[in-house]
Amino acid sequence: MISTLTLTWISLYAAEKTKVDAKAVFEKRCSQCHNLERAAAQKKTSKEWEKTVMRMKNVNGCPITDEEAKTIIDYLTTNYGK
């Protein structure tokens, strides 16, 4: 019989394995066109970062998915937000 503790541990382990490394996504995707210090030099609100990232994706043709864009926006807001 599997205990509740074991099931909880398995669930937490699975969630941790699927957690996205936002910094890695930011570094991999954004460094294709920019040096990474460019973002560090700016402080923007979440809406401003969203506008910037979506412009890169939709206008400049940055090859990122919507999910990656959300991850990058969250990362930038957390680390370089106003």
PDB file of N, CA and C in Angstrom:
ATOM      1  N   MET A   1       0.848  -1.184   0.000  1.00  0.00           N
ATOM      2  CA  MET A   1       0.000   0.000   0.000  1.00  0.00           C
ATOM      3  C   MET A   1       0.893   1.246   0.000  1.00  0.00           C
ATOM      4  N   ILE A   2       0.596   2.172  -0.892  1.00  0.00           N
ATOM      5  CA  ILE A   2       1.386   3.396  -0.991  1.00  0.00           C
ATOM      6  C   ILE A   2       0.829   4.412  -0.013  1.00  0.00           C
ATOM      7  N   SER A   3       1.735   5.000   0.739  1.00  0.00           N
ATOM      8  CA  SER A   3       1.295   5.970   1.735  1.00  0.00           C
ATOM      9  C   SER A   3       1.025   7.332   1.106  1.00  0.00           C
ATOM     10  N   THR A   4       0.291   8.129   1.821  1.00  0.00           N
ATOM     11  CA  THR A   4      -0.003   9.495   1.376  1.00  0.00           C
ATOM     12  C   THR A   4       1.280  10.297   1.253  1.00  0.00           C
ATOM     13  N   LEU A   5       2.203  10.085   2.172  1.00  0.00           N
ATOM     14  CA  LEU A   5       3.487  10.786   2.146  1.00  0.00           C
ATOM     15  C   LEU A   5       4.249  10.456   0.864  1.00  0.00           C
ATOM     16  N   THR A   6       4.250   9.205   0.465  1.00  0.00           N
ATOM     17  CA  THR A   6       4.934   8.794  -0.762  1.00  0.00           C
ATOM     18  C   THR A   6       4.292   9.447  -1.976  1.00  0.00           C
ATOM     19  N   LEU A   7       2.975   9.460  -2.037  1.00  0.00           N
ATOM     20  CA  LEU A   7       2.278  10.092  -3.154  1.00  0.00           C
ATOM     21  C   LEU A   7       2.551  11.591  -3.208  1.00  0.00           C
ATOM     22  N   THR A   8       2.592  12.227  -2.045  1.00  0.00           N
ATOM     23  CA  THR A   8       2.896  13.653  -1.989  1.00  0.00           C
ATOM     24  C   THR A   8       4.297  13.908  -2.513  1.00  0.00           C
ATOM     25  N   TRP A   9       5.252  13.102  -2.092  1.00  0.00           N
ATOM     26  CA  TRP A   9       6.640  13.253  -2.533  1.00  0.00           C
ATOM     27  C   TRP A   9       6.743  13.066  -4.044  1.00  0.00           C
ATOM     28  N   ILE A  10       6.072  12.064  -4.573  1.00  0.00           N
ATOM     29  CA  ILE A  10       6.096  11.818  -6.022  1.00  0.00           C
ATOM     30  C   ILE A  10       5.511  13.009  -6.769  1.00  0.00           C
ATOM     31  N   SER A  11       4.422  13.559  -6.282  1.00  0.00           N
ATOM     32  CA  SER A  11       3.792  14.719  -6.917  1.00  0.00           C
ATOM     33  C   SER A  11       4.717  15.925  -6.898  1.00  0.00           C
ATOM     34  N   LEU A  12       5.346  16.173  -5.765  1.00  0.00           N
ATOM     35  CA  LEU A  12       6.268  17.305  -5.665  1.00  0.00           C
ATOM     36  C   LEU A  12       7.477  17.115  -6.575  1.00  0.00           C
ATOM     37  N   TYR A  13       7.999  15.906  -6.639  1.00  0.00           N
ATOM     38  CA  TYR A  13       9.140  15.604  -7.500  1.00  0.00           C
ATOM     39  C   TYR A  13       8.770  15.835  -8.960  1.00  0.00           C
ATOM     40  N   ALA A  14       7.610  15.380  -9.372  1.00  0.00           N
ATOM     41  CA  ALA A  14       7.174  15.555 -10.760  1.00  0.00           C
ATOM     42  C   ALA A  14       6.992  17.031 -11.084  1.00  0.00           C
ATOM     43  N   ALA A  15       6.421  17.793 -10.169  1.00  0.00           N
ATOM     44  CA  ALA A  15       6.227  19.227 -10.393  1.00  0.00           C
ATOM     45  C   ALA A  15       7.567  19.931 -10.526  1.00  0.00           C
ATOM     46  N   GLU A  16       8.528  19.553  -9.703  1.00  0.00           N
ATOM     47  CA  GLU A  16       9.858  20.159  -9.757  1.00  0.00           C
ATOM     48  C   GLU A  16      10.545  19.836 -11.080  1.00  0.00           C
ATOM     49  N   LYS A  17      10.383  18.633 -11.577  1.00  0.00           N
ATOM     50  CA  LYS A  17      11.019  18.232 -12.830  1.00  0.00           C
ATOM     51  C   LYS A  17      10.450  18.996 -14.024  1.00  0.00           C
ATOM     52  N   THR A  18       9.186  19.409 -13.940  1.00  0.00           N
ATOM     53  CA  THR A  18       8.571  20.107 -15.059  1.00  0.00           C
ATOM     54  C   THR A  18       8.666  21.626 -14.922  1.00  0.00           C
ATOM     55  N   LYS A  19       9.213  22.108 -13.807  1.00  0.00           N
ATOM     56  CA  LYS A  19       9.346  23.540 -13.592  1.00  0.00           C
ATOM     57  C   LYS A  19      10.301  24.113 -14.641  1.00  0.00           C
ATOM     58  N   VAL A  20       9.922  25.222 -15.220  1.00  0.00           N
ATOM     59  CA  VAL A  20      10.714  25.858 -16.257  1.00  0.00           C
ATOM     60  C   VAL A  20      11.802  26.714 -15.612  1.00  0.00           C
ATOM     61  N   ASP A  21      13.002  26.627 -16.146  1.00  0.00           N
ATOM     62  CA  ASP A  21      14.095  27.476 -15.697  1.00  0.00           C
ATOM     63  C   ASP A  21      14.016  28.775 -16.494  1.00  0.00           C
ATOM     64  N   ALA A  22      13.342  29.765 -15.917  1.00  0.00           N
ATOM     65  CA  ALA A  22      13.071  31.017 -16.618  1.00  0.00           C
ATOM     66  C   ALA A  22      14.350  31.735 -17.024  1.00  0.00           C
ATOM     67  N   LYS A  23      15.346  31.717 -16.174  1.00  0.00           N
ATOM     68  CA  LYS A  23      16.607  32.379 -16.501  1.00  0.00           C
ATOM     69  C   LYS A  23      17.239  31.738 -17.736  1.00  0.00           C
ATOM     70  N   ALA A  24      17.193  30.419 -17.810  1.00  0.00           N
ATOM     71  CA  ALA A  24      17.771  29.710 -18.956  1.00  0.00           C
ATOM     72  C   ALA A  24      17.020  30.040 -20.248  1.00  0.00           C
ATOM     73  N   VAL A  25      15.684  30.127 -20.164  1.00  0.00           N
ATOM     74  CA  VAL A  25      14.884  30.483 -21.348  1.00  0.00           C
ATOM     75  C   VAL A  25      15.251  31.895 -21.796  1.00  0.00           C
ATOM     76  N   PHE A  26      15.299  32.828 -20.850  1.00  0.00           N
ATOM     77  CA  PHE A  26      15.681  34.208 -21.155  1.00  0.00           C
ATOM     78  C   PHE A  26      17.063  34.250 -21.810  1.00  0.00           C
ATOM     79  N   GLU A  27      18.039  33.603 -21.190  1.00  0.00           N
ATOM     80  CA  GLU A  27      19.405  33.649 -21.709  1.00  0.00           C
ATOM     81  C   GLU A  27      19.504  33.021 -23.098  1.00  0.00           C
ATOM     82  N   LYS A  28      18.865  31.876 -23.280  1.00  0.00           N
ATOM     83  CA  LYS A  28      18.946  31.178 -24.568  1.00  0.00           C
ATOM     84  C   LYS A  28      18.273  31.961 -25.686  1.00  0.00           C
ATOM     85  N   ARG A  29      17.078  32.442 -25.425  1.00  0.00           N
ATOM     86  CA  ARG A  29      16.301  33.100 -26.480  1.00  0.00           C
ATOM     87  C   ARG A  29      16.747  34.532 -26.739  1.00  0.00           C
ATOM     88  N   CYS A  30      16.931  35.301 -25.687  1.00  0.00           N
ATOM     89  CA  CYS A  30      17.214  36.725 -25.875  1.00  0.00           C
ATOM     90  C   CYS A  30      18.652  36.990 -26.319  1.00  0.00           C
ATOM     91  N   SER A  31      19.559  36.096 -25.959  1.00  0.00           N
ATOM     92  CA  SER A  31      20.959  36.297 -26.355  1.00  0.00           C
ATOM     93  C   SER A  31      21.190  36.012 -27.831  1.00  0.00           C
ATOM     94  N   GLN A  32      20.193  35.505 -28.526  1.00  0.00           N
ATOM     95  CA  GLN A  32      20.329  35.289 -29.964  1.00  0.00           C
ATOM     96  C   GLN A  32      20.494  36.626 -30.692  1.00  0.00           C
ATOM     97  N   CYS A  33      19.893  37.686 -30.137  1.00  0.00           N
ATOM     98  CA  CYS A  33      19.945  39.002 -30.794  1.00  0.00           C
ATOM     99  C   CYS A  33      20.560  40.102 -29.926  1.00  0.00           C
ATOM    100  N   HIS A  34      20.598  39.898 -28.616  1.00  0.00           N
ATOM    101  CA  HIS A  34      21.051  40.947 -27.694  1.00  0.00           C
ATOM    102  C   HIS A  34      22.102  40.403 -26.745  1.00  0.00           C
ATOM    103  N   ASN A  35      22.951  41.315 -26.212  1.00  0.00           N
ATOM    104  CA  ASN A  35      23.749  40.880 -25.070  1.00  0.00           C
ATOM    105  C   ASN A  35      22.835  41.001 -23.857  1.00  0.00           C
ATOM    106  N   LEU A  36      23.017  40.163 -22.885  1.00  0.00           N
ATOM    107  CA  LEU A  36      22.066  40.057 -21.782  1.00  0.00           C
ATOM    108  C   LEU A  36      22.100  41.251 -20.829  1.00  0.00           C
ATOM    109  N   GLU A  37      23.148  42.028 -20.889  1.00  0.00           N
ATOM    110  CA  GLU A  37      23.230  43.220 -20.041  1.00  0.00           C
ATOM    111  C   GLU A  37      22.216  44.283 -20.470  1.00  0.00           C
ATOM    112  N   ARG A  38      21.734  44.171 -21.681  1.00  0.00           N
ATOM    113  CA  ARG A  38      20.749  45.133 -22.184  1.00  0.00           C
ATOM    114  C   ARG A  38      19.500  45.151 -21.296  1.00  0.00           C
ATOM    115  N   ALA A  39      19.002  43.989 -20.927  1.00  0.00           N
ATOM    116  CA  ALA A  39      17.826  43.918 -20.052  1.00  0.00           C
ATOM    117  C   ALA A  39      18.173  44.392 -18.648  1.00  0.00           C
ATOM    118  N   ALA A  40      19.339  44.036 -18.161  1.00  0.00           N
ATOM    119  CA  ALA A  40      19.738  44.412 -16.802  1.00  0.00           C
ATOM    120  C   ALA A  40      19.864  45.921 -16.644  1.00  0.00           C
ATOM    121  N   ALA A  41      20.096  46.619 -17.735  1.00  0.00           N
ATOM    122  CA  ALA A  41      20.254  48.068 -17.685  1.00  0.00           C
ATOM    123  C   ALA A  41      18.911  48.793 -17.647  1.00  0.00           C
ATOM    124  N   GLN A  42      17.818  48.065 -17.790  1.00  0.00           N
ATOM    125  CA  GLN A  42      16.491  48.674 -17.854  1.00  0.00           C
ATOM    126  C   GLN A  42      15.627  48.220 -16.687  1.00  0.00           C
ATOM    127  N   LYS A  43      14.744  49.075 -16.269  1.00  0.00           N
ATOM    128  CA  LYS A  43      13.726  48.732 -15.275  1.00  0.00           C
ATOM    129  C   LYS A  43      12.383  49.076 -15.897  1.00  0.00           C
ATOM    130  N   LYS A  44      11.526  48.062 -16.036  1.00  0.00           N
ATOM    131  CA  LYS A  44      10.214  48.266 -16.647  1.00  0.00           C
ATOM    132  C   LYS A  44       9.149  47.584 -15.808  1.00  0.00           C
ATOM    133  N   THR A  45       7.916  48.055 -15.965  1.00  0.00           N
ATOM    134  CA  THR A  45       6.787  47.394 -15.330  1.00  0.00           C
ATOM    135  C   THR A  45       6.485  46.108 -16.103  1.00  0.00           C
ATOM    136  N   SER A  46       5.623  45.290 -15.546  1.00  0.00           N
ATOM    137  CA  SER A  46       5.220  44.052 -16.221  1.00  0.00           C
ATOM    138  C   SER A  46       4.622  44.355 -17.592  1.00  0.00           C
ATOM    139  N   LYS A  47       3.769  45.357 -17.658  1.00  0.00           N
ATOM    140  CA  LYS A  47       3.135  45.732 -18.938  1.00  0.00           C
ATOM    141  C   LYS A  47       4.186  46.209 -19.944  1.00  0.00           C
ATOM    142  N   GLU A  48       5.180  46.945 -19.482  1.00  0.00           N
ATOM    143  CA  GLU A  48       6.244  47.419 -20.376  1.00  0.00           C
ATOM    144  C   GLU A  48       7.087  46.263 -20.885  1.00  0.00           C
ATOM    145  N   TRP A  49       7.403  45.305 -19.995  1.00  0.00           N
ATOM    146  CA  TRP A  49       8.158  44.124 -20.445  1.00  0.00           C
ATOM    147  C   TRP A  49       7.333  43.309 -21.426  1.00  0.00           C
ATOM    148  N   GLU A  50       6.040  43.195 -21.147  1.00  0.00           N
ATOM    149  CA  GLU A  50       5.170  42.460 -22.060  1.00  0.00           C
ATOM    150  C   GLU A  50       5.175  43.110 -23.448  1.00  0.00           C
ATOM    151  N   LYS A  51       5.058  44.418 -23.482  1.00  0.00           N
ATOM    152  CA  LYS A  51       5.069  45.144 -24.755  1.00  0.00           C
ATOM    153  C   LYS A  51       6.392  44.909 -25.494  1.00  0.00           C
ATOM    154  N   THR A  52       7.498  44.968 -24.773  1.00  0.00           N
ATOM    155  CA  THR A  52       8.818  44.782 -25.375  1.00  0.00           C
ATOM    156  C   THR A  52       8.991  43.371 -25.926  1.00  0.00           C
ATOM    157  N   VAL A  53       8.675  42.376 -25.113  1.00  0.00           N
ATOM    158  CA  VAL A  53       8.860  40.975 -25.526  1.00  0.00           C
ATOM    159  C   VAL A  53       7.927  40.629 -26.690  1.00  0.00           C
ATOM    160  N   MET A  54       6.693  41.065 -26.623  1.00  0.00           N
ATOM    161  CA  MET A  54       5.750  40.760 -27.702  1.00  0.00           C
ATOM    162  C   MET A  54       6.127  41.482 -28.997  1.00  0.00           C
ATOM    163  N   ARG A  55       6.725  42.666 -28.885  1.00  0.00           N
ATOM    164  CA  ARG A  55       7.227  43.349 -30.082  1.00  0.00           C
ATOM    165  C   ARG A  55       8.365  42.538 -30.704  1.00  0.00           C
ATOM    166  N   MET A  56       9.249  42.035 -29.860  1.00  0.00           N
ATOM    167  CA  MET A  56      10.355  41.208 -30.374  1.00  0.00           C
ATOM    168  C   MET A  56       9.803  39.968 -31.079  1.00  0.00           C
ATOM    169  N   LYS A  57       8.765  39.380 -30.495  1.00  0.00           N
ATOM    170  CA  LYS A  57       8.176  38.166 -31.055  1.00  0.00           C
ATOM    171  C   LYS A  57       7.380  38.447 -32.330  1.00  0.00           C
ATOM    172  N   ASN A  58       6.483  39.402 -32.268  1.00  0.00           N
ATOM    173  CA  ASN A  58       5.529  39.617 -33.359  1.00  0.00           C
ATOM    174  C   ASN A  58       6.014  40.534 -34.478  1.00  0.00           C
ATOM    175  N   VAL A  59       6.850  41.503 -34.146  1.00  0.00           N
ATOM    176  CA  VAL A  59       7.320  42.452 -35.148  1.00  0.00           C
ATOM    177  C   VAL A  59       8.717  42.088 -35.650  1.00  0.00           C
ATOM    178  N   ASN A  60       9.608  41.771 -34.709  1.00  0.00           N
ATOM    179  CA  ASN A  60      10.999  41.505 -35.068  1.00  0.00           C
ATOM    180  C   ASN A  60      11.267  40.049 -35.435  1.00  0.00           C
ATOM    181  N   GLY A  61      10.265  39.188 -35.238  1.00  0.00           N
ATOM    182  CA  GLY A  61      10.398  37.799 -35.650  1.00  0.00           C
ATOM    183  C   GLY A  61      11.211  36.902 -34.728  1.00  0.00           C
ATOM    184  N   CYS A  62      11.300  37.278 -33.459  1.00  0.00           N
ATOM    185  CA  CYS A  62      12.012  36.429 -32.501  1.00  0.00           C
ATOM    186  C   CYS A  62      11.303  35.070 -32.426  1.00  0.00           C
ATOM    187  N   PRO A  63      12.046  33.984 -32.618  1.00  0.00           N
ATOM    188  CA  PRO A  63      11.422  32.655 -32.666  1.00  0.00           C
ATOM    189  C   PRO A  63      11.126  32.067 -31.286  1.00  0.00           C
ATOM    190  N   ILE A  64      10.158  32.662 -30.581  1.00  0.00           N
ATOM    191  CA  ILE A  64       9.768  32.140 -29.271  1.00  0.00           C
ATOM    192  C   ILE A  64       8.281  31.803 -29.298  1.00  0.00           C
ATOM    193  N   THR A  65       7.927  30.838 -28.494  1.00  0.00           N
ATOM    194  CA  THR A  65       6.520  30.461 -28.375  1.00  0.00           C
ATOM    195  C   THR A  65       5.818  31.429 -27.427  1.00  0.00           C
ATOM    196  N   ASP A  66       4.499  31.375 -27.398  1.00  0.00           N
ATOM    197  CA  ASP A  66       3.744  32.196 -26.451  1.00  0.00           C
ATOM    198  C   ASP A  66       4.108  31.833 -25.018  1.00  0.00           C
ATOM    199  N   GLU A  67       4.309  30.553 -24.768  1.00  0.00           N
ATOM    200  CA  GLU A  67       4.689  30.098 -23.424  1.00  0.00           C
ATOM    201  C   GLU A  67       6.063  30.638 -23.029  1.00  0.00           C
ATOM    202  N   GLU A  68       7.010  30.598 -23.969  1.00  0.00           N
ATOM    203  CA  GLU A  68       8.338  31.149 -23.682  1.00  0.00           C
ATOM    204  C   GLU A  68       8.260  32.658 -23.457  1.00  0.00           C
ATOM    205  N   ALA A  69       7.429  33.345 -24.232  1.00  0.00           N
ATOM    206  CA  ALA A  69       7.264  34.791 -24.048  1.00  0.00           C
ATOM    207  C   ALA A  69       6.764  35.086 -22.643  1.00  0.00           C
ATOM    208  N   LYS A  70       5.764  34.345 -22.182  1.00  0.00           N
ATOM    209  CA  LYS A  70       5.228  34.527 -20.831  1.00  0.00           C
ATOM    210  C   LYS A  70       6.308  34.281 -19.786  1.00  0.00           C
ATOM    211  N   THR A  71       7.092  33.232 -19.968  1.00  0.00           N
ATOM    212  CA  THR A  71       8.180  32.908 -19.043  1.00  0.00           C
ATOM    213  C   THR A  71       9.200  34.038 -19.005  1.00  0.00           C
ATOM    214  N   ILE A  72       9.566  34.562 -20.173  1.00  0.00           N
ATOM    215  CA  ILE A  72      10.548  35.642 -20.250  1.00  0.00           C
ATOM    216  C   ILE A  72       9.996  36.914 -19.608  1.00  0.00           C
ATOM    217  N   ILE A  73       8.759  37.237 -19.885  1.00  0.00           N
ATOM    218  CA  ILE A  73       8.131  38.427 -19.289  1.00  0.00           C
ATOM    219  C   ILE A  73       8.121  38.316 -17.770  1.00  0.00           C
ATOM    220  N   ASP A  74       7.733  37.162 -17.259  1.00  0.00           N
ATOM    221  CA  ASP A  74       7.732  36.956 -15.796  1.00  0.00           C
ATOM    222  C   ASP A  74       9.136  37.085 -15.217  1.00  0.00           C
ATOM    223  N   TYR A  75      10.119  36.509 -15.901  1.00  0.00           N
ATOM    224  CA  TYR A  75      11.509  36.578 -15.443  1.00  0.00           C
ATOM    225  C   TYR A  75      11.989  38.029 -15.420  1.00  0.00           C
ATOM    226  N   LEU A  76      11.746  38.760 -16.504  1.00  0.00           N
ATOM    227  CA  LEU A  76      12.195  40.151 -16.593  1.00  0.00           C
ATOM    228  C   LEU A  76      11.494  41.020 -15.547  1.00  0.00           C
ATOM    229  N   THR A  77      10.214  40.803 -15.336  1.00  0.00           N
ATOM    230  CA  THR A  77       9.463  41.569 -14.347  1.00  0.00           C
ATOM    231  C   THR A  77      10.001  41.315 -12.941  1.00  0.00           C
ATOM    232  N   THR A  78      10.272  40.061 -12.649  1.00  0.00           N
ATOM    233  CA  THR A  78      10.793  39.703 -11.319  1.00  0.00           C
ATOM    234  C   THR A  78      12.188  40.265 -11.083  1.00  0.00           C
ATOM    235  N   ASN A  79      13.029  40.199 -12.095  1.00  0.00           N
ATOM    236  CA  ASN A  79      14.437  40.565 -11.906  1.00  0.00           C
ATOM    237  C   ASN A  79      14.793  41.992 -12.337  1.00  0.00           C
ATOM    238  N   TYR A  80      14.012  42.559 -13.228  1.00  0.00           N
ATOM    239  CA  TYR A  80      14.310  43.898 -13.749  1.00  0.00           C
ATOM    240  C   TYR A  80      13.070  44.771 -13.794  1.00  0.00           C
ATOM    241  N   GLY A  81      12.168  44.558 -12.856  1.00  0.00           N
ATOM    242  CA  GLY A  81      10.922  45.313 -12.831  1.00  0.00           C
ATOM    243  C   GLY A  81      11.015  46.589 -12.028  1.00  0.00           C
ATOM    244  N   LYS A  82      10.107  47.488 -12.311  1.00  0.00           N
ATOM    245  CA  LYS A  82       9.992  48.740 -11.543  1.00  0.00           C
ATOM    246  C   LYS A  82       9.195  48.483 -10.293  1.00  0.00           C
TER     247      LYS A  82
END
